[in-house]
Amino acid sequence: MKLWVKIKQFIKNYTHLKYIKVSLGIALICFYPCLKIIYWSFESAFLGEFGISQEIYSRPLFSSTYQIAWLSVYAIWPATFLWLIISLVIPLVIIFFRYPNFKQKEDLKLLSKEEYIKSRMLGKITDISNYFFETAIIPFLVFTLGALLFIGVGHIFGYAQKKGSALAHELLDAYVSQGICLDKITSSQFNCYTITGVDENVYLIDNSDTHLVFLRKSETEEKAVELRIIEKEKDKSYEIIRSYKSDP
């Protein structure tokens, strides 16, 4: 109960207005890069389902900083065990350095030897428990909040990856089996694209400043597709044509 009261008091103090302002400021600063990393995880899974890996095609939408940050998510899993150990050891270390030398009280001198030993041990246990609860609040909150944050971010990234992969799989299956180019993200169109001077009846995946990425039907195998990545030439325009229909 004493620990719970201290936690409630700590939370009450933390909800002071100035702490709320600081927390909101930090959240806003971190929101934009986190949002970009989450979208990058969705996009990487989406393009990866088409066979477009980071080694093949470097997307200019995100800088290497965000890519490194996303890869770091997989690298820090082992560090969580170290973080857990540190969170548990901190209270013990603080107790070790702060724990006072027990002094014999005057009233204990009047007790028998057996009663004296029992009273002294009870006093030690009481003092140790008090010091433990006093020093465990901050490590406990650090561990709990960190765990919730880590688990939440991991689930968000995992959810974004699953959604990107599922969407790409659906679009790829429709193009392979039916020859249609579904547009589930922004509209309900299904017609394919023609890129003048490049190819026709293709499924355009990405049109960036530097590359054209699209799928085309294979000329050698039935119901097979080819992935094509064309680096754009300078001073050359590419006309992309698509006719619109709402029903296949």
Protein backbone atom coordinates (compact mmCIF):
# COMPACT_ATOMS: atom_id res chain seq x y z
CA MET A 1 0.00 0.00 0.00
CA LYS A 2 2.84 2.35 0.81
CA LEU A 3 4.31 1.89 -2.66
CA TRP A 4 0.94 2.52 -4.29
CA VAL A 5 0.46 5.74 -2.28
CA LYS A 6 3.89 6.96 -3.34
CA ILE A 7 3.17 6.14 -6.98
CA LYS A 8 -0.11 8.07 -6.83
CA GLN A 9 1.66 11.01 -5.24
CA PHE A 10 4.38 10.91 -7.89
CA ILE A 11 1.80 10.86 -10.69
CA LYS A 12 -0.11 13.69 -9.04
CA ASN A 13 3.01 15.84 -8.89
CA TYR A 14 3.87 14.99 -12.48
CA THR A 15 0.51 16.24 -13.73
CA HIS A 16 1.48 19.76 -12.83
CA LEU A 17 0.91 22.17 -15.71
CA LYS A 18 4.57 22.74 -16.51
CA TYR A 19 5.18 19.02 -16.84
CA ILE A 20 2.19 18.71 -19.13
CA LYS A 21 3.57 21.46 -21.36
CA VAL A 22 6.96 19.79 -21.52
CA SER A 23 5.41 16.41 -22.30
CA LEU A 24 3.23 17.85 -25.06
CA GLY A 25 6.23 19.64 -26.55
CA ILE A 26 8.30 16.47 -26.62
CA ALA A 27 5.38 14.51 -28.07
CA LEU A 28 4.91 17.03 -30.89
CA ILE A 29 8.62 17.05 -31.69
CA CYS A 30 8.74 13.25 -31.86
CA PHE A 31 5.40 12.82 -33.64
CA TYR A 32 6.50 13.82 -37.15
CA PRO A 33 9.61 11.62 -37.45
CA CYS A 34 7.76 8.72 -35.82
CA LEU A 35 4.93 9.12 -38.31
CA LYS A 36 7.41 9.04 -41.18
CA ILE A 37 9.07 5.91 -39.82
CA ILE A 38 5.68 4.21 -39.46
CA TYR A 39 4.78 5.07 -43.04
CA TRP A 40 8.21 3.91 -44.20
CA SER A 41 7.55 0.54 -42.57
CA PHE A 42 4.23 0.34 -44.43
CA GLU A 43 5.86 1.34 -47.72
CA SER A 44 8.80 -1.02 -47.34
CA ALA A 45 6.44 -3.96 -46.76
CA PHE A 46 4.22 -2.84 -49.64
CA LEU A 47 7.09 -2.57 -52.13
CA GLY A 48 8.78 -5.66 -50.73
CA GLU A 49 5.74 -7.75 -51.62
CA PHE A 50 6.31 -6.76 -55.26
CA GLY A 51 9.96 -7.79 -55.00
CA ILE A 52 11.31 -4.27 -54.57
CA SER A 53 13.91 -4.46 -51.83
CA GLN A 54 16.17 -1.77 -50.45
CA GLU A 55 19.10 -3.25 -52.38
CA ILE A 56 17.25 -2.83 -55.68
CA TYR A 57 15.56 0.50 -55.32
CA SER A 58 16.43 3.33 -52.95
CA ARG A 59 13.35 5.41 -52.22
CA PRO A 60 14.09 9.15 -51.94
CA LEU A 61 11.06 9.76 -49.75
CA PHE A 62 12.94 8.92 -46.57
CA SER A 63 16.49 9.78 -45.64
CA SER A 64 18.98 7.25 -44.38
CA THR A 65 18.34 8.50 -40.84
CA TYR A 66 14.85 7.07 -40.81
CA GLN A 67 15.95 3.86 -42.50
CA ILE A 68 18.64 3.35 -39.85
CA ALA A 69 16.11 4.09 -37.13
CA TRP A 70 13.75 1.43 -38.48
CA LEU A 71 16.52 -1.14 -38.75
CA SER A 72 17.51 -0.31 -35.19
CA VAL A 73 14.14 -1.60 -33.98
CA TYR A 74 15.32 -5.13 -34.72
CA ALA A 75 18.74 -4.48 -33.21
CA ILE A 76 17.52 -3.27 -29.81
CA TRP A 77 15.53 -6.39 -28.92
CA PRO A 78 18.51 -7.93 -27.05
CA ALA A 79 19.02 -4.64 -25.23
CA THR A 80 15.62 -4.99 -23.58
CA PHE A 81 16.96 -7.80 -21.41
CA LEU A 82 19.82 -5.61 -20.23
CA TRP A 83 17.36 -2.80 -19.59
CA LEU A 84 15.21 -5.18 -17.52
CA ILE A 85 18.18 -6.25 -15.40
CA ILE A 86 19.27 -2.65 -14.83
CA SER A 87 15.75 -1.65 -13.78
CA LEU A 88 15.68 -4.42 -11.20
CA VAL A 89 19.23 -3.84 -9.93
CA ILE A 90 18.87 -0.08 -9.39
CA PRO A 91 16.82 -0.39 -6.16
CA LEU A 92 19.24 -2.94 -4.75
CA VAL A 93 22.24 -0.72 -5.49
CA ILE A 94 20.58 2.30 -3.91
CA ILE A 95 19.67 0.29 -0.83
CA PHE A 96 23.24 -0.98 -0.54
CA PHE A 97 24.72 2.53 -0.46
CA ARG A 98 21.96 4.19 1.55
CA TYR A 99 21.26 1.42 4.02
CA PRO A 100 22.36 2.67 7.49
CA ASN A 101 24.33 0.75 10.05
CA PHE A 102 21.91 -0.62 12.60
CA LYS A 103 22.52 0.68 16.07
CA GLN A 104 21.48 -1.10 19.18
CA LYS A 105 18.59 0.70 20.80
CA GLU A 106 18.55 1.34 24.50
CA ASP A 107 15.34 -0.57 25.10
CA LEU A 108 16.79 -3.67 23.44
CA LYS A 109 19.34 -3.98 26.22
CA LEU A 110 16.57 -4.89 28.62
CA LEU A 111 15.47 -7.85 26.51
CA SER A 112 16.73 -11.39 26.72
CA LYS A 113 19.23 -12.60 24.17
CA GLU A 114 16.60 -14.50 22.18
CA GLU A 115 14.15 -11.59 22.22
CA TYR A 116 16.95 -9.19 21.32
CA ILE A 117 17.90 -11.23 18.23
CA LYS A 118 14.26 -11.43 17.08
CA SER A 119 13.68 -7.70 17.58
CA ARG A 120 16.93 -6.80 15.83
CA MET A 121 16.11 -9.01 12.82
CA LEU A 122 12.58 -7.59 12.64
CA GLY A 123 14.00 -4.08 12.68
CA LYS A 124 16.40 -4.91 9.86
CA ILE A 125 13.63 -6.41 7.74
CA THR A 126 11.41 -3.38 8.35
CA ASP A 127 14.15 -0.91 7.47
CA ILE A 128 15.16 -2.84 4.36
CA SER A 129 11.57 -2.99 3.13
CA ASN A 130 11.11 0.75 3.73
CA TYR A 131 14.27 1.61 1.83
CA PHE A 132 13.31 -0.76 -0.97
CA PHE A 133 9.89 0.81 -1.49
CA GLU A 134 11.35 4.31 -1.34
CA THR A 135 14.03 3.59 -3.92
CA ALA A 136 11.94 1.37 -6.19
CA ILE A 137 9.46 4.01 -7.36
CA ILE A 138 11.55 5.66 -10.07
CA PRO A 139 13.03 2.39 -11.47
CA PHE A 140 9.56 0.83 -11.44
CA LEU A 141 8.05 3.75 -13.37
CA VAL A 142 10.98 3.83 -15.80
CA PHE A 143 10.62 0.13 -16.49
CA THR A 144 6.81 0.18 -16.78
CA LEU A 145 6.54 3.26 -18.99
CA GLY A 146 9.45 2.11 -21.13
CA ALA A 147 7.93 -1.33 -21.56
CA LEU A 148 4.56 0.11 -22.56
CA LEU A 149 6.21 2.49 -25.01
CA PHE A 150 8.38 -0.22 -26.53
CA ILE A 151 5.50 -2.68 -26.86
CA GLY A 152 3.20 -0.01 -28.31
CA VAL A 153 5.71 1.16 -30.91
CA GLY A 154 6.52 -2.43 -31.85
CA HIS A 155 2.85 -3.23 -32.38
CA ILE A 156 2.32 -0.10 -34.49
CA PHE A 157 5.29 -0.89 -36.74
CA GLY A 158 4.21 -4.52 -37.02
CA TYR A 159 0.64 -3.49 -37.87
CA ALA A 160 1.87 -1.08 -40.56
CA GLN A 161 4.03 -3.79 -42.11
CA LYS A 162 1.18 -6.31 -42.15
CA LYS A 163 -1.18 -3.82 -43.77
CA GLY A 164 1.36 -2.89 -46.44
CA SER A 165 2.11 -6.51 -47.25
CA ALA A 166 -1.59 -7.49 -47.34
CA LEU A 167 -2.49 -4.60 -49.64
CA ALA A 168 0.35 -5.36 -52.05
CA HIS A 169 -0.54 -9.06 -52.11
CA GLU A 170 -4.15 -8.22 -53.02
CA LEU A 171 -3.11 -5.84 -55.82
CA LEU A 172 -0.52 -8.25 -57.20
CA ASP A 173 -2.96 -11.15 -57.20
CA ALA A 174 -5.55 -9.08 -59.09
CA TYR A 175 -3.00 -8.09 -61.74
CA VAL A 176 -1.68 -11.64 -62.20
CA SER A 177 -5.03 -13.44 -62.24
CA GLN A 178 -7.32 -10.85 -63.84
CA GLY A 179 -4.98 -8.42 -65.58
CA ILE A 180 -6.47 -5.41 -63.79
CA CYS A 181 -4.72 -2.65 -61.90
CA LEU A 182 -6.68 -2.05 -58.72
CA ASP A 183 -6.35 1.28 -56.99
CA LYS A 184 -7.46 0.59 -53.43
CA ILE A 185 -5.65 3.48 -51.78
CA THR A 186 -7.16 6.56 -53.42
CA SER A 187 -9.96 5.35 -55.71
CA SER A 188 -11.84 2.33 -57.08
CA GLN A 189 -10.21 2.37 -60.52
CA PHE A 190 -8.90 -0.81 -62.12
CA ASN A 191 -7.54 0.12 -65.57
CA CYS A 192 -3.82 -0.17 -66.18
CA TYR A 193 -1.33 2.44 -67.37
CA THR A 194 0.50 3.31 -70.54
CA ILE A 195 3.87 5.04 -70.27
CA THR A 196 4.71 6.65 -73.59
CA GLY A 197 8.04 5.56 -74.98
CA VAL A 198 8.39 2.89 -72.31
CA ASP A 199 5.58 0.31 -72.20
CA GLU A 200 1.82 -0.10 -72.23
CA ASN A 201 -0.77 -1.98 -70.17
CA VAL A 202 1.47 -1.90 -67.12
CA TYR A 203 0.78 -1.62 -63.42
CA LEU A 204 2.53 1.52 -62.21
CA ILE A 205 3.74 1.07 -58.64
CA ASP A 206 5.81 4.18 -58.09
CA ASN A 207 6.66 7.30 -60.05
CA SER A 208 9.38 9.12 -58.13
CA ASP A 209 11.73 11.90 -59.17
CA THR A 210 14.38 9.38 -60.18
CA HIS A 211 12.66 6.09 -61.07
CA LEU A 212 9.66 4.50 -62.72
CA VAL A 213 8.64 1.25 -61.06
CA PHE A 214 5.97 -0.92 -62.66
CA LEU A 215 4.82 -4.46 -63.39
CA ARG A 216 4.21 -5.83 -66.86
CA LYS A 217 2.88 -9.08 -68.24
CA SER A 218 5.57 -11.57 -69.16
CA GLU A 219 5.87 -12.35 -72.86
CA THR A 220 7.20 -15.84 -72.22
CA GLU A 221 5.03 -17.29 -69.47
CA GLU A 222 1.27 -17.10 -69.09
CA LYS A 223 -0.04 -15.34 -65.98
CA ALA A 224 3.48 -14.29 -65.01
CA VAL A 225 4.64 -10.75 -64.46
CA GLU A 226 7.95 -8.91 -64.61
CA LEU A 227 9.13 -6.14 -62.36
CA ARG A 228 10.75 -3.25 -64.20
CA ILE A 229 12.63 -0.38 -62.62
CA ILE A 230 13.65 2.38 -65.01
CA GLU A 231 15.94 5.19 -63.99
CA LYS A 232 14.64 8.45 -65.40
CA GLU A 233 16.80 10.36 -67.84
CA LYS A 234 17.44 14.03 -67.31
CA ASP A 235 15.65 16.48 -69.60
CA LYS A 236 13.19 13.79 -70.68
CA SER A 237 9.48 13.81 -69.92
CA TYR A 238 7.38 10.71 -69.39
CA GLU A 239 3.69 10.77 -70.24
CA ILE A 240 1.59 8.41 -68.15
CA ILE A 241 -1.87 7.60 -69.53
CA ARG A 242 -4.71 5.82 -67.79
CA SER A 243 -8.33 5.48 -68.88
CA TYR A 244 -10.88 5.44 -66.10
CA LYS A 245 -13.62 2.90 -65.47
CA SER A 246 -15.33 2.08 -62.21
CA ASP A 247 -16.31 -1.53 -63.00
CA PRO A 248 -14.01 -4.33 -64.22
